[in-house]
Protein backbone atom coordinates (compact mmCIF):
# COMPACT_ATOMS: atom_id res chain seq x y z
CA MET A 1 93.42 272.83 74.84
CA THR A 2 91.73 271.77 78.01
CA ARG A 3 92.27 268.09 77.81
CA GLN A 4 95.08 265.84 76.65
CA GLU A 5 94.40 262.17 76.07
CA HIS A 6 96.98 259.52 76.77
CA ALA A 7 96.63 255.79 76.62
CA GLN A 8 96.42 255.31 80.41
CA PHE A 9 95.44 258.70 81.87
CA THR A 10 94.00 262.10 81.11
CA VAL A 11 95.79 265.35 81.99
CA TYR A 12 93.57 268.33 82.85
CA ALA A 13 94.92 271.85 82.46
CA GLU A 14 92.59 273.39 85.08
CA GLU A 15 91.41 272.06 88.41
CA ALA A 16 87.79 272.91 87.63
CA ALA A 17 87.91 270.57 84.64
CA ILE A 18 88.65 267.54 86.81
CA PRO A 19 85.48 265.48 87.29
CA ARG A 20 83.99 265.71 90.76
CA TYR A 21 84.18 261.97 91.50
CA GLN A 22 87.93 261.97 90.80
CA ARG A 23 88.51 264.84 93.24
CA ALA A 24 86.43 262.95 95.83
CA TRP A 25 88.59 259.86 95.33
CA VAL A 26 91.78 261.87 95.82
CA TRP A 27 90.48 263.46 99.03
CA GLY A 28 89.18 260.11 100.24
CA VAL A 29 92.52 258.38 99.66
CA ALA A 30 94.36 261.25 101.39
CA ALA A 31 92.00 261.04 104.40
CA LEU A 32 92.44 257.27 104.55
CA ALA A 33 96.24 257.66 104.48
CA VAL A 34 96.10 260.16 107.36
CA LEU A 35 93.81 257.83 109.33
CA LEU A 36 96.11 254.85 108.81
CA CYS A 37 99.16 256.89 109.83
CA GLY A 38 97.31 257.94 112.99
CA ILE A 39 96.42 254.34 113.81
CA VAL A 40 100.01 253.18 113.31
CA ALA A 41 101.38 256.08 115.37
CA GLY A 42 98.86 255.36 118.14
CA TRP A 43 99.80 251.70 118.14
CA LEU A 44 103.51 252.51 118.31
CA PHE A 45 103.18 255.20 120.98
CA GLY A 46 100.57 253.22 122.89
CA ASP A 47 102.92 250.28 123.09
CA ALA A 48 105.67 252.56 124.37
CA GLY A 49 103.23 254.09 126.85
CA SER A 50 102.47 250.72 128.44
CA ASP A 51 106.14 250.44 129.46
CA ALA A 52 105.97 253.98 130.83
CA GLY A 53 103.03 252.96 133.01
CA SER A 54 105.11 250.27 134.68
CA ASP A 55 107.92 252.81 135.09
CA LEU A 56 105.47 255.15 136.80
CA ARG A 57 104.41 252.39 139.17
CA LEU A 58 108.08 251.70 139.98
CA ALA A 59 108.72 255.42 140.42
CA GLY A 60 105.75 255.64 142.79
CA ARG A 61 107.11 252.72 144.80
CA SER A 62 110.55 254.37 144.84
CA MET A 63 109.02 257.66 145.99
CA GLU A 64 107.19 255.75 148.73
CA LEU A 65 110.48 254.23 149.93
CA ASP A 66 112.16 257.62 149.69
CA GLY A 67 109.33 259.03 151.77
CA VAL A 68 109.99 256.45 154.49
CA ALA A 69 113.71 257.32 154.46
CA LEU A 70 112.92 261.03 154.56
CA LEU A 71 110.53 260.51 157.45
CA ALA A 72 113.21 258.64 159.42
CA GLN A 73 115.70 261.40 158.65
CA GLN A 74 113.21 264.05 159.78
CA GLU A 75 112.60 262.17 163.01
CA ALA A 76 116.36 262.15 163.68
CA VAL A 77 116.54 265.92 163.07
CA ASN A 78 113.53 266.47 165.33
CA GLU A 79 115.14 264.43 168.11
CA HIS A 80 118.35 266.46 167.78
CA LEU A 81 116.34 269.68 168.04
CA ARG A 82 114.45 268.40 171.11
CA GLU A 83 117.77 267.64 172.84
CA ARG A 84 119.09 271.08 171.96
CA ILE A 85 115.93 272.76 173.26
CA ALA A 86 116.20 270.77 176.50
CA ARG A 87 119.84 271.90 176.96
CA LEU A 88 118.87 275.53 176.28
CA GLU A 89 116.00 275.37 178.77
CA GLN A 90 118.30 273.88 181.41
CA ALA A 91 120.93 276.54 180.74
CA LEU A 92 118.39 279.36 180.93
CA ASP A 93 116.76 278.02 184.11
CA GLY A 94 119.89 278.91 186.04
CA ASP A 95 122.16 281.87 185.42
CA ALA A 96 121.42 283.13 181.89
CA CYS A 97 124.83 284.83 181.69
CA GLY A 98 126.83 281.90 183.08
CA PRO A 99 129.30 279.82 181.10
CA ALA A 100 126.89 276.85 180.76
CA ALA A 101 124.21 279.09 179.24
CA LEU A 102 126.71 280.73 176.89
CA GLU A 103 128.01 277.33 175.84
CA ALA A 104 124.45 276.10 175.12
CA LEU A 105 123.59 279.27 173.20
CA THR A 106 126.77 279.34 171.10
CA GLN A 107 126.67 275.61 170.37
CA GLY A 108 123.73 276.21 167.98
CA ALA A 109 125.85 278.56 165.90
CA ARG A 110 128.46 275.82 165.39
CA ASP A 111 126.02 272.94 164.72
CA PRO A 112 124.66 272.61 161.19
């Protein structure tokens, strides 16, 4: 019994018995469903991605402002180091074992 007839559909016992055009329709409908799901997912994620693009622009602007603040902070650290180097050079120009030189040399150990 390979084939059972019903009023609205036919049931096939084996896959090979299914007519070729019906198998093509099933695969075509499945491919169309996958395509439509991909389009909907792309639309949804693409819409979310447009907001992310503006967030990236804001993050870039924030990083630019952070860069300016970091540059100012680095300049302050550099100026502090220049002053310290100048004090060390002055201390070492005279008596390297004197109290002024020792104070200048040990001050670096206490400063962060």
